[in-house]
Amino acid sequence: MSERQVDSSKRTWLIASGCAGVVGGAAVAVPFVSSFQPSERARAAGAPVEVDISSIKPGEMLTVEWRGKPVWILRRTPEELAALKKIEGQLADPNSQRKPDELTPEYARNEYRSIKPEFLVAVGICTHLGCSPSPRFQTGPQPSLPDDWVGGFLCACHGSTFDLAGRVYKNKPAPDNLEIPPHQYLSATTLLIGEDKKA
């Protein structure tokens, strides 16, 4: 065997060993580095969202994202608040008694489903199949809505309707009212979604 063949064999062995070392090092480093990143569970849990509500005028709605879900912040007018009492007989669960711990925190188990009557804070996902209802604030007759419509939300996928407190109407596919997320007011103009005083 010539000296050149031996050097060639050593070189091949050194290259192969070096490559194996790099691959092995990467295999060890990837789990180590990824352990510093938030887990899927932590990412899904999501952090609380702070919202400035000072610019929302009566009759307007702001949508923010929390845990990958749309959360509506609706500032209701005095007329809209008064209409909530008139339609209670048309609602499937006017007092939010179904699944109260899942869908309605204790501080929102009232006729307005809110801490402050003028502000509704609700997850904008239909409780039927997870579609996102559309706001239908205009009152009166219109397509897919009753002639005595007082304003609310319509899930066009299967026709579920909700009032301006997120309560579902009777005889609709959606089984429950819209979810009220945990929330609290940090000040008169700042809302924190995703955390309440019990947290």
C-alpha atoms as a PDB file:
ATOM      1  CA  MET A   1       0.000   0.000   0.000  1.00  0.00           C
ATOM      2  CA  SER A   2       1.476   3.353  -1.025  1.00  0.00           C
ATOM      3  CA  GLU A   3       1.882   6.368   1.264  1.00  0.00           C
ATOM      4  CA  ARG A   4      -0.524   8.338  -0.945  1.00  0.00           C
ATOM      5  CA  GLN A   5      -3.298   5.712  -0.440  1.00  0.00           C
ATOM      6  CA  VAL A   6      -2.857   5.876   3.350  1.00  0.00           C
ATOM      7  CA  ASP A   7      -3.113   9.666   3.385  1.00  0.00           C
ATOM      8  CA  SER A   8      -6.198   9.460   1.198  1.00  0.00           C
ATOM      9  CA  SER A   9      -7.820   6.964   3.596  1.00  0.00           C
ATOM     10  CA  LYS A  10      -7.016   9.141   6.606  1.00  0.00           C
ATOM     11  CA  ARG A  11      -8.416  12.186   4.871  1.00  0.00           C
ATOM     12  CA  THR A  12     -11.670  10.367   4.034  1.00  0.00           C
ATOM     13  CA  TRP A  13     -11.900   9.101   7.638  1.00  0.00           C
ATOM     14  CA  LEU A  14     -11.295  12.606   9.045  1.00  0.00           C
ATOM     15  CA  ILE A  15     -13.923  14.161   6.746  1.00  0.00           C
ATOM     16  CA  ALA A  16     -16.482  11.481   7.621  1.00  0.00           C
ATOM     17  CA  SER A  17     -15.774  11.855  11.346  1.00  0.00           C
ATOM     18  CA  GLY A  18     -16.020  15.644  11.110  1.00  0.00           C
ATOM     19  CA  CYS A  19     -19.374  15.458   9.297  1.00  0.00           C
ATOM     20  CA  ALA A  20     -20.723  13.008  11.860  1.00  0.00           C
ATOM     21  CA  GLY A  21     -19.594  15.353  14.625  1.00  0.00           C
ATOM     22  CA  VAL A  22     -21.363  18.321  13.020  1.00  0.00           C
ATOM     23  CA  VAL A  23     -24.579  16.330  12.540  1.00  0.00           C
ATOM     24  CA  GLY A  24     -24.416  14.995  16.103  1.00  0.00           C
ATOM     25  CA  GLY A  25     -23.751  18.472  17.493  1.00  0.00           C
ATOM     26  CA  ALA A  26     -26.712  19.891  15.570  1.00  0.00           C
ATOM     27  CA  ALA A  27     -28.937  17.062  16.811  1.00  0.00           C
ATOM     28  CA  VAL A  28     -28.019  17.926  20.399  1.00  0.00           C
ATOM     29  CA  ALA A  29     -28.208  21.720  19.893  1.00  0.00           C
ATOM     30  CA  VAL A  30     -31.662  21.864  18.248  1.00  0.00           C
ATOM     31  CA  PRO A  31     -33.620  20.499  21.245  1.00  0.00           C
ATOM     32  CA  PHE A  32     -31.471  22.583  23.601  1.00  0.00           C
ATOM     33  CA  VAL A  33     -32.129  25.836  21.688  1.00  0.00           C
ATOM     34  CA  SER A  34     -35.808  25.029  21.141  1.00  0.00           C
ATOM     35  CA  SER A  35     -36.227  24.554  24.892  1.00  0.00           C
ATOM     36  CA  PHE A  36     -35.804  28.330  25.228  1.00  0.00           C
ATOM     37  CA  GLN A  37     -38.795  28.981  22.945  1.00  0.00           C
ATOM     38  CA  PRO A  38     -42.357  29.071  24.372  1.00  0.00           C
ATOM     39  CA  SER A  39     -44.129  25.725  24.155  1.00  0.00           C
ATOM     40  CA  GLU A  40     -47.131  25.246  21.873  1.00  0.00           C
ATOM     41  CA  ARG A  41     -49.300  25.206  24.980  1.00  0.00           C
ATOM     42  CA  ALA A  42     -47.895  28.517  26.196  1.00  0.00           C
ATOM     43  CA  ARG A  43     -48.372  30.095  22.774  1.00  0.00           C
ATOM     44  CA  ALA A  44     -51.966  28.863  22.618  1.00  0.00           C
ATOM     45  CA  ALA A  45     -52.674  30.270  26.079  1.00  0.00           C
ATOM     46  CA  GLY A  46     -51.784  33.742  24.857  1.00  0.00           C
ATOM     47  CA  ALA A  47     -50.979  36.796  26.861  1.00  0.00           C
ATOM     48  CA  PRO A  48     -53.532  39.378  28.024  1.00  0.00           C
ATOM     49  CA  VAL A  49     -54.242  42.204  25.567  1.00  0.00           C
ATOM     50  CA  GLU A  50     -54.436  45.819  26.728  1.00  0.00           C
ATOM     51  CA  VAL A  51     -56.818  48.009  24.699  1.00  0.00           C
ATOM     52  CA  ASP A  52     -57.379  51.762  24.665  1.00  0.00           C
ATOM     53  CA  ILE A  53     -61.155  52.192  24.392  1.00  0.00           C
ATOM     54  CA  SER A  54     -61.215  56.001  24.588  1.00  0.00           C
ATOM     55  CA  SER A  55     -61.829  56.470  20.854  1.00  0.00           C
ATOM     56  CA  ILE A  56     -64.821  54.092  20.565  1.00  0.00           C
ATOM     57  CA  LYS A  57     -67.936  56.196  20.062  1.00  0.00           C
ATOM     58  CA  PRO A  58     -71.438  55.012  21.088  1.00  0.00           C
ATOM     59  CA  GLY A  59     -72.712  52.626  18.426  1.00  0.00           C
ATOM     60  CA  GLU A  60     -69.186  51.670  17.288  1.00  0.00           C
ATOM     61  CA  MET A  61     -67.320  48.398  17.636  1.00  0.00           C
ATOM     62  CA  LEU A  62     -63.608  47.607  17.793  1.00  0.00           C
ATOM     63  CA  THR A  63     -62.216  44.127  17.108  1.00  0.00           C
ATOM     64  CA  VAL A  64     -58.963  42.926  18.677  1.00  0.00           C
ATOM     65  CA  GLU A  65     -57.272  39.528  18.691  1.00  0.00           C
ATOM     66  CA  TRP A  66     -56.763  37.441  21.818  1.00  0.00           C
ATOM     67  CA  ARG A  67     -55.586  33.806  21.759  1.00  0.00           C
ATOM     68  CA  GLY A  68     -56.089  33.852  17.999  1.00  0.00           C
ATOM     69  CA  LYS A  69     -59.777  34.755  18.392  1.00  0.00           C
ATOM     70  CA  PRO A  70     -61.587  37.960  17.435  1.00  0.00           C
ATOM     71  CA  VAL A  71     -62.839  39.838  20.492  1.00  0.00           C
ATOM     72  CA  TRP A  72     -65.476  42.512  19.970  1.00  0.00           C
ATOM     73  CA  ILE A  73     -65.626  45.636  22.083  1.00  0.00           C
ATOM     74  CA  LEU A  74     -68.969  47.281  21.377  1.00  0.00           C
ATOM     75  CA  ARG A  75     -69.966  50.594  22.924  1.00  0.00           C
ATOM     76  CA  ARG A  76     -73.754  50.435  23.088  1.00  0.00           C
ATOM     77  CA  THR A  77     -76.005  53.470  22.873  1.00  0.00           C
ATOM     78  CA  PRO A  78     -78.713  54.161  25.503  1.00  0.00           C
ATOM     79  CA  GLU A  79     -81.314  53.060  22.919  1.00  0.00           C
ATOM     80  CA  GLU A  80     -79.495  49.780  22.309  1.00  0.00           C
ATOM     81  CA  LEU A  81     -79.304  49.108  26.038  1.00  0.00           C
ATOM     82  CA  ALA A  82     -83.033  49.785  26.424  1.00  0.00           C
ATOM     83  CA  ALA A  83     -83.819  47.351  23.566  1.00  0.00           C
ATOM     84  CA  LEU A  84     -82.083  44.478  25.402  1.00  0.00           C
ATOM     85  CA  LYS A  85     -84.901  44.286  27.955  1.00  0.00           C
ATOM     86  CA  LYS A  86     -87.640  44.240  25.297  1.00  0.00           C
ATOM     87  CA  ILE A  87     -86.474  41.050  23.577  1.00  0.00           C
ATOM     88  CA  GLU A  88     -85.728  38.746  26.520  1.00  0.00           C
ATOM     89  CA  GLY A  89     -88.733  36.535  25.648  1.00  0.00           C
ATOM     90  CA  GLN A  90     -87.211  35.840  22.207  1.00  0.00           C
ATOM     91  CA  LEU A  91     -83.899  34.597  23.581  1.00  0.00           C
ATOM     92  CA  ALA A  92     -82.854  31.018  24.334  1.00  0.00           C
ATOM     93  CA  ASP A  93     -80.813  31.871  27.443  1.00  0.00           C
ATOM     94  CA  PRO A  94     -81.518  35.485  28.457  1.00  0.00           C
ATOM     95  CA  ASN A  95     -79.914  35.125  31.916  1.00  0.00           C
ATOM     96  CA  SER A  96     -76.787  33.252  30.758  1.00  0.00           C
ATOM     97  CA  GLN A  97     -77.572  30.180  32.888  1.00  0.00           C
ATOM     98  CA  ARG A  98     -76.301  27.563  30.427  1.00  0.00           C
ATOM     99  CA  LYS A  99     -72.603  26.811  30.897  1.00  0.00           C
ATOM    100  CA  PRO A 100     -72.091  29.918  33.038  1.00  0.00           C
ATOM    101  CA  ASP A 101     -68.570  29.018  34.133  1.00  0.00           C
ATOM    102  CA  GLU A 102     -67.460  28.350  30.545  1.00  0.00           C
ATOM    103  CA  LEU A 103     -69.124  31.223  28.723  1.00  0.00           C
ATOM    104  CA  THR A 104     -69.990  34.002  31.156  1.00  0.00           C
ATOM    105  CA  PRO A 105     -67.822  35.132  34.079  1.00  0.00           C
ATOM    106  CA  GLU A 106     -69.741  35.890  37.255  1.00  0.00           C
ATOM    107  CA  TYR A 107     -69.257  39.655  36.871  1.00  0.00           C
ATOM    108  CA  ALA A 108     -70.998  39.516  33.472  1.00  0.00           C
ATOM    109  CA  ARG A 109     -74.040  37.453  34.496  1.00  0.00           C
ATOM    110  CA  ASN A 110     -76.441  40.354  34.217  1.00  0.00           C
ATOM    111  CA  GLU A 111     -78.852  41.669  31.595  1.00  0.00           C
ATOM    112  CA  TYR A 112     -76.010  43.472  29.781  1.00  0.00           C
ATOM    113  CA  ARG A 113     -73.468  40.608  30.075  1.00  0.00           C
ATOM    114  CA  SER A 114     -70.828  43.156  30.947  1.00  0.00           C
ATOM    115  CA  ILE A 115     -69.003  44.969  33.737  1.00  0.00           C
ATOM    116  CA  LYS A 116     -69.969  48.407  32.414  1.00  0.00           C
ATOM    117  CA  PRO A 117     -73.416  48.417  30.773  1.00  0.00           C
ATOM    118  CA  GLU A 118     -72.346  50.454  27.753  1.00  0.00           C
ATOM    119  CA  PHE A 119     -69.445  48.141  26.806  1.00  0.00           C
ATOM    120  CA  LEU A 120     -69.930  44.592  25.542  1.00  0.00           C
ATOM    121  CA  VAL A 121     -66.737  42.522  25.412  1.00  0.00           C
ATOM    122  CA  ALA A 122     -67.403  39.220  23.613  1.00  0.00           C
ATOM    123  CA  VAL A 123     -65.566  36.586  21.596  1.00  0.00           C
ATOM    124  CA  GLY A 124     -66.831  36.935  18.021  1.00  0.00           C
ATOM    125  CA  ILE A 125     -67.126  33.207  17.306  1.00  0.00           C
ATOM    126  CA  CYS A 126     -70.481  31.495  16.869  1.00  0.00           C
ATOM    127  CA  THR A 127     -71.106  28.706  19.391  1.00  0.00           C
ATOM    128  CA  HIS A 128     -72.537  26.495  16.637  1.00  0.00           C
ATOM    129  CA  LEU A 129     -69.637  25.624  14.332  1.00  0.00           C
ATOM    130  CA  GLY A 130     -67.084  28.337  15.012  1.00  0.00           C
ATOM    131  CA  CYS A 131     -67.947  30.802  12.235  1.00  0.00           C
ATOM    132  CA  SER A 132     -67.646  34.527  12.894  1.00  0.00           C
ATOM    133  CA  PRO A 133     -70.983  36.378  12.950  1.00  0.00           C
ATOM    134  CA  SER A 134     -71.318  39.792  11.310  1.00  0.00           C
ATOM    135  CA  PRO A 135     -72.593  42.915  13.038  1.00  0.00           C
ATOM    136  CA  ARG A 136     -76.110  43.914  12.003  1.00  0.00           C
ATOM    137  CA  PHE A 137     -76.648  47.098  13.986  1.00  0.00           C
ATOM    138  CA  GLN A 138     -79.290  48.606  11.680  1.00  0.00           C
ATOM    139  CA  THR A 139     -82.775  48.026  13.072  1.00  0.00           C
ATOM    140  CA  GLY A 140     -85.904  46.980  11.202  1.00  0.00           C
ATOM    141  CA  PRO A 141     -86.627  44.546   8.357  1.00  0.00           C
ATOM    142  CA  GLN A 142     -83.689  43.319   6.269  1.00  0.00           C
ATOM    143  CA  PRO A 143     -82.640  40.081   4.527  1.00  0.00           C
ATOM    144  CA  SER A 144     -82.200  37.027   6.798  1.00  0.00           C
ATOM    145  CA  LEU A 145     -83.503  38.944   9.845  1.00  0.00           C
ATOM    146  CA  PRO A 146     -86.945  39.373  11.453  1.00  0.00           C
ATOM    147  CA  ASP A 147     -89.020  42.479  10.709  1.00  0.00           C
ATOM    148  CA  ASP A 148     -88.764  43.621  14.347  1.00  0.00           C
ATOM    149  CA  TRP A 149     -84.944  43.364  14.431  1.00  0.00           C
ATOM    150  CA  VAL A 150     -83.460  45.650  17.108  1.00  0.00           C
ATOM    151  CA  GLY A 151     -79.812  45.163  16.176  1.00  0.00           C
ATOM    152  CA  GLY A 152     -77.302  42.440  16.938  1.00  0.00           C
ATOM    153  CA  PHE A 153     -75.219  39.873  15.106  1.00  0.00           C
ATOM    154  CA  LEU A 154     -76.011  37.394  12.309  1.00  0.00           C
ATOM    155  CA  CYS A 155     -74.036  34.235  11.622  1.00  0.00           C
ATOM    156  CA  ALA A 156     -74.753  33.848   7.922  1.00  0.00           C
ATOM    157  CA  CYS A 157     -73.358  30.278   7.821  1.00  0.00           C
ATOM    158  CA  HIS A 158     -76.475  28.719   9.387  1.00  0.00           C
ATOM    159  CA  GLY A 159     -78.651  31.669  10.401  1.00  0.00           C
ATOM    160  CA  SER A 160     -77.971  31.996  14.119  1.00  0.00           C
ATOM    161  CA  THR A 161     -78.754  35.440  15.492  1.00  0.00           C
ATOM    162  CA  PHE A 162     -77.481  37.124  18.649  1.00  0.00           C
ATOM    163  CA  ASP A 163     -78.591  40.316  20.366  1.00  0.00           C
ATOM    164  CA  LEU A 164     -76.306  43.198  21.336  1.00  0.00           C
ATOM    165  CA  ALA A 165     -75.387  41.351  24.548  1.00  0.00           C
ATOM    166  CA  GLY A 166     -74.277  38.267  22.574  1.00  0.00           C
ATOM    167  CA  ARG A 167     -77.333  36.230  23.652  1.00  0.00           C
ATOM    168  CA  VAL A 168     -78.619  33.729  21.102  1.00  0.00           C
ATOM    169  CA  TYR A 169     -82.215  33.845  19.878  1.00  0.00           C
ATOM    170  CA  LYS A 170     -84.524  30.848  20.329  1.00  0.00           C
ATOM    171  CA  ASN A 171     -84.776  28.083  17.722  1.00  0.00           C
ATOM    172  CA  LYS A 172     -81.379  28.778  16.168  1.00  0.00           C
ATOM    173  CA  PRO A 173     -78.538  26.320  15.443  1.00  0.00           C
ATOM    174  CA  ALA A 174     -76.167  27.983  17.940  1.00  0.00           C
ATOM    175  CA  PRO A 175     -76.679  26.217  21.284  1.00  0.00           C
ATOM    176  CA  ASP A 176     -75.245  28.941  23.518  1.00  0.00           C
ATOM    177  CA  ASN A 177     -74.653  32.638  23.960  1.00  0.00           C
ATOM    178  CA  LEU A 178     -71.373  34.107  22.748  1.00  0.00           C
ATOM    179  CA  GLU A 179     -68.422  33.716  25.114  1.00  0.00           C
ATOM    180  CA  ILE A 180     -67.492  36.620  27.366  1.00  0.00           C
ATOM    181  CA  PRO A 181     -63.698  36.481  27.860  1.00  0.00           C
ATOM    182  CA  PRO A 182     -62.061  37.264  31.198  1.00  0.00           C
ATOM    183  CA  HIS A 183     -61.453  41.012  31.314  1.00  0.00           C
ATOM    184  CA  GLN A 184     -61.107  43.996  33.606  1.00  0.00           C
ATOM    185  CA  TYR A 185     -60.801  47.763  33.388  1.00  0.00           C
ATOM    186  CA  LEU A 186     -57.388  49.103  34.341  1.00  0.00           C
ATOM    187  CA  SER A 187     -58.725  52.657  34.071  1.00  0.00           C
ATOM    188  CA  ALA A 188     -61.717  54.500  32.594  1.00  0.00           C
ATOM    189  CA  THR A 189     -60.140  54.205  29.134  1.00  0.00           C
ATOM    190  CA  THR A 190     -58.045  51.014  29.329  1.00  0.00           C
ATOM    191  CA  LEU A 191     -59.407  47.480  29.068  1.00  0.00           C
ATOM    192  CA  LEU A 192     -57.392  44.315  29.739  1.00  0.00           C
ATOM    193  CA  ILE A 193     -58.653  41.216  27.905  1.00  0.00           C
ATOM    194  CA  GLY A 194     -57.501  37.799  29.058  1.00  0.00           C
ATOM    195  CA  GLU A 195     -57.201  38.468  32.759  1.00  0.00           C
ATOM    196  CA  ASP A 196     -59.587  39.510  35.485  1.00  0.00           C
ATOM    197  CA  LYS A 197     -59.274  40.411  39.153  1.00  0.00           C
ATOM    198  CA  LYS A 198     -59.462  36.759  40.203  1.00  0.00           C
ATOM    199  CA  ALA A 199     -56.317  35.869  38.199  1.00  0.00           C
END
